[in-house]
Amino acid sequence: MLLYLIRHAEAVDSLPDAERALSARGRHQINLLAGFLARSRAFAPQEIWHSPYVRARDTALSLTQELRTKTPLREVPGITPDDDPAAVLALLADERRPVALVGHEPHLSALASLLVTGSAQPVAFAMKKATILALERAGARWIVRWHVEPGLLGE
């Protein structure tokens, strides 16, 4: 099973935090990322999970629109910035389909570290905004397939 961890793109500064929308730069980041994913054909989730925060939902929606895919989106609890990454393990336990998860820091770095090393701390990954990390399940642990951040895409 493949798991794509995606940090939301840049958002405007406003309150409340959960209602922050993508900025113009964030939309540009999604365009760059979607272009790379379309060219590489390395992104094929059957469902995209996102946090309830506006910027995560908008990042997921923008990706599907830019990629012209009908991949279903689903709001999933337990993936906001301060949630315990161990809660996602239960969601992934029986999952066999490739899924993408659009979330936040510090949750995503801790989740990636937990999946790959078995421990959420110390974190072993840096998830900049509009970064995608592809992991593949290998028994009880996960291995890194690839990792792309905006700086590699010309941003």
Protein backbone atom coordinates (compact mmCIF):
# COMPACT_ATOMS: atom_id res chain seq x y z
CA MET A 1 0.00 0.00 0.00
CA LEU A 2 1.18 3.49 -0.82
CA LEU A 3 0.54 6.44 1.46
CA TYR A 4 1.11 9.99 0.25
CA LEU A 5 1.59 12.52 3.06
CA ILE A 6 0.98 16.07 1.86
CA ARG A 7 1.37 19.23 3.87
CA HIS A 8 -1.13 21.90 2.91
CA ALA A 9 0.06 24.76 0.71
CA GLU A 10 0.71 28.26 2.05
CA ALA A 11 -2.33 29.93 3.61
CA VAL A 12 -3.24 33.50 4.47
CA ASP A 13 -2.64 34.72 8.01
CA SER A 14 -5.97 35.09 9.78
CA LEU A 15 -7.97 33.89 12.74
CA PRO A 16 -9.43 31.50 13.60
CA ASP A 17 -6.63 29.22 12.50
CA ALA A 18 -8.91 26.44 11.21
CA GLU A 19 -10.50 28.85 8.71
CA ARG A 20 -7.31 30.03 6.98
CA ALA A 21 -7.67 29.78 3.20
CA LEU A 22 -4.92 29.22 0.65
CA SER A 23 -2.96 32.28 -0.40
CA ALA A 24 -2.10 33.17 -4.01
CA ARG A 25 1.35 31.67 -3.38
CA GLY A 26 -0.31 28.52 -1.99
CA ARG A 27 -2.38 28.11 -5.15
CA HIS A 28 0.82 28.53 -7.18
CA GLN A 29 2.51 25.84 -5.06
CA ILE A 30 -0.37 23.46 -5.82
CA ASN A 31 -0.08 24.20 -9.54
CA LEU A 32 3.63 23.33 -9.46
CA LEU A 33 3.06 20.18 -7.43
CA ALA A 34 0.16 19.03 -9.62
CA GLY A 35 2.24 19.61 -12.75
CA PHE A 36 5.03 17.45 -11.35
CA LEU A 37 2.61 14.72 -10.26
CA ALA A 38 0.89 14.68 -13.66
CA ARG A 39 4.20 14.39 -15.52
CA SER A 40 5.61 11.73 -13.20
CA ARG A 41 2.41 9.67 -12.97
CA ALA A 42 3.66 8.75 -9.51
CA PHE A 43 0.52 9.86 -7.64
CA ALA A 44 -2.48 7.55 -7.78
CA PRO A 45 -4.44 7.56 -4.52
CA GLN A 46 -7.89 6.01 -4.52
CA GLU A 47 -9.01 8.45 -1.83
CA ILE A 48 -7.66 11.71 -0.41
CA TRP A 49 -8.10 12.25 3.31
CA HIS A 50 -7.86 15.78 4.68
CA SER A 51 -8.17 17.53 8.02
CA PRO A 52 -11.21 19.69 8.79
CA TYR A 53 -9.10 22.85 8.39
CA VAL A 54 -9.94 24.95 5.31
CA ARG A 55 -6.36 25.09 3.99
CA ALA A 56 -6.04 21.28 4.03
CA ARG A 57 -9.41 20.74 2.35
CA ASP A 58 -8.60 23.40 -0.27
CA THR A 59 -5.19 21.83 -0.93
CA ALA A 60 -6.83 18.43 -1.51
CA LEU A 61 -9.55 19.92 -3.70
CA SER A 62 -7.07 22.00 -5.72
CA LEU A 63 -4.91 18.94 -6.36
CA THR A 64 -7.86 16.96 -7.72
CA GLN A 65 -8.93 19.89 -9.89
CA GLU A 66 -5.42 20.52 -11.27
CA LEU A 67 -4.90 16.80 -11.93
CA ARG A 68 -8.39 16.52 -13.44
CA THR A 69 -9.17 13.47 -11.34
CA LYS A 70 -12.34 12.38 -9.61
CA THR A 71 -10.49 10.95 -6.62
CA PRO A 72 -12.91 11.16 -3.69
CA LEU A 73 -12.08 13.48 -0.81
CA ARG A 74 -12.88 12.61 2.79
CA GLU A 75 -12.55 14.68 5.92
CA VAL A 76 -10.85 12.52 8.54
CA PRO A 77 -10.55 13.23 12.27
CA GLY A 78 -7.21 12.97 14.02
CA ILE A 79 -4.99 14.83 11.53
CA THR A 80 -4.98 18.40 12.82
CA PRO A 81 -1.69 20.01 13.87
CA ASP A 82 -1.74 18.88 17.50
CA ASP A 83 -3.36 15.45 17.12
CA ASP A 84 -1.54 12.32 18.23
CA PRO A 85 -0.06 10.68 15.11
CA ALA A 86 -0.65 7.24 16.63
CA ALA A 87 -4.39 7.72 15.97
CA VAL A 88 -3.71 7.48 12.23
CA LEU A 89 -2.22 4.00 12.70
CA ALA A 90 -5.71 2.67 13.46
CA LEU A 91 -7.04 4.24 10.26
CA LEU A 92 -4.26 2.66 8.22
CA ALA A 93 -4.34 -0.78 9.86
CA ASP A 94 -6.92 -2.30 7.52
CA GLU A 95 -6.39 0.03 4.57
CA ARG A 96 -5.11 -1.65 1.41
CA ARG A 97 -5.81 1.06 -1.16
CA PRO A 98 -3.32 3.83 -1.90
CA VAL A 99 -4.45 6.95 -0.03
CA ALA A 100 -3.22 10.51 0.32
CA LEU A 101 -3.44 12.40 3.59
CA VAL A 102 -3.40 16.22 3.49
CA GLY A 103 -2.52 17.66 6.87
CA HIS A 104 -0.35 19.93 8.97
CA GLU A 105 2.84 20.31 10.93
CA PRO A 106 3.97 19.13 13.40
CA HIS A 107 1.56 16.20 12.94
CA LEU A 108 2.82 15.05 9.53
CA SER A 109 6.51 14.97 10.45
CA ALA A 110 5.69 13.05 13.62
CA LEU A 111 3.44 10.66 11.68
CA ALA A 112 6.09 10.01 9.01
CA SER A 113 8.68 9.42 11.71
CA LEU A 114 6.37 7.04 13.56
CA LEU A 115 5.61 5.03 10.41
CA VAL A 116 9.23 4.78 9.22
CA THR A 117 11.20 4.55 12.48
CA GLY A 118 8.57 3.30 14.92
CA SER A 119 8.75 6.47 17.03
CA ALA A 120 7.15 9.89 16.53
CA GLN A 121 10.00 11.58 18.41
CA PRO A 122 12.50 12.75 17.48
CA VAL A 123 11.09 13.67 14.09
CA ALA A 124 13.08 12.40 11.14
CA PHE A 125 11.32 14.38 8.39
CA ALA A 126 10.76 18.04 7.55
CA MET A 127 7.46 18.70 5.82
CA LYS A 128 7.52 22.17 4.28
CA LYS A 129 4.30 23.63 2.92
CA ALA A 130 3.17 21.90 -0.31
CA THR A 131 5.55 18.99 0.28
CA ILE A 132 4.62 15.40 -0.56
CA LEU A 133 6.20 12.30 0.95
CA ALA A 134 5.37 8.90 -0.55
CA LEU A 135 5.63 5.91 1.77
CA GLU A 136 5.08 2.21 1.11
CA ARG A 137 4.04 -0.31 3.74
CA ALA A 138 6.72 -2.95 4.32
CA GLY A 139 5.43 -5.27 7.02
CA ALA A 140 5.00 -3.41 10.29
CA ARG A 141 7.01 -0.41 9.10
CA TRP A 142 6.96 1.88 6.10
CA ILE A 143 9.71 2.80 3.65
CA VAL A 144 10.25 6.09 1.84
CA ARG A 145 9.60 5.90 -1.89
CA TRP A 146 10.13 9.60 -2.70
CA HIS A 147 9.91 13.09 -1.21
CA VAL A 148 9.31 16.33 -3.16
CA GLU A 149 9.22 19.86 -1.83
CA PRO A 150 8.43 23.16 -3.61
CA GLY A 151 12.10 24.19 -3.90
CA LEU A 152 12.72 21.20 -6.18
CA LEU A 153 9.88 22.33 -8.44
CA GLY A 154 11.23 25.82 -9.04
CA GLU A 155 9.38 27.69 -6.32
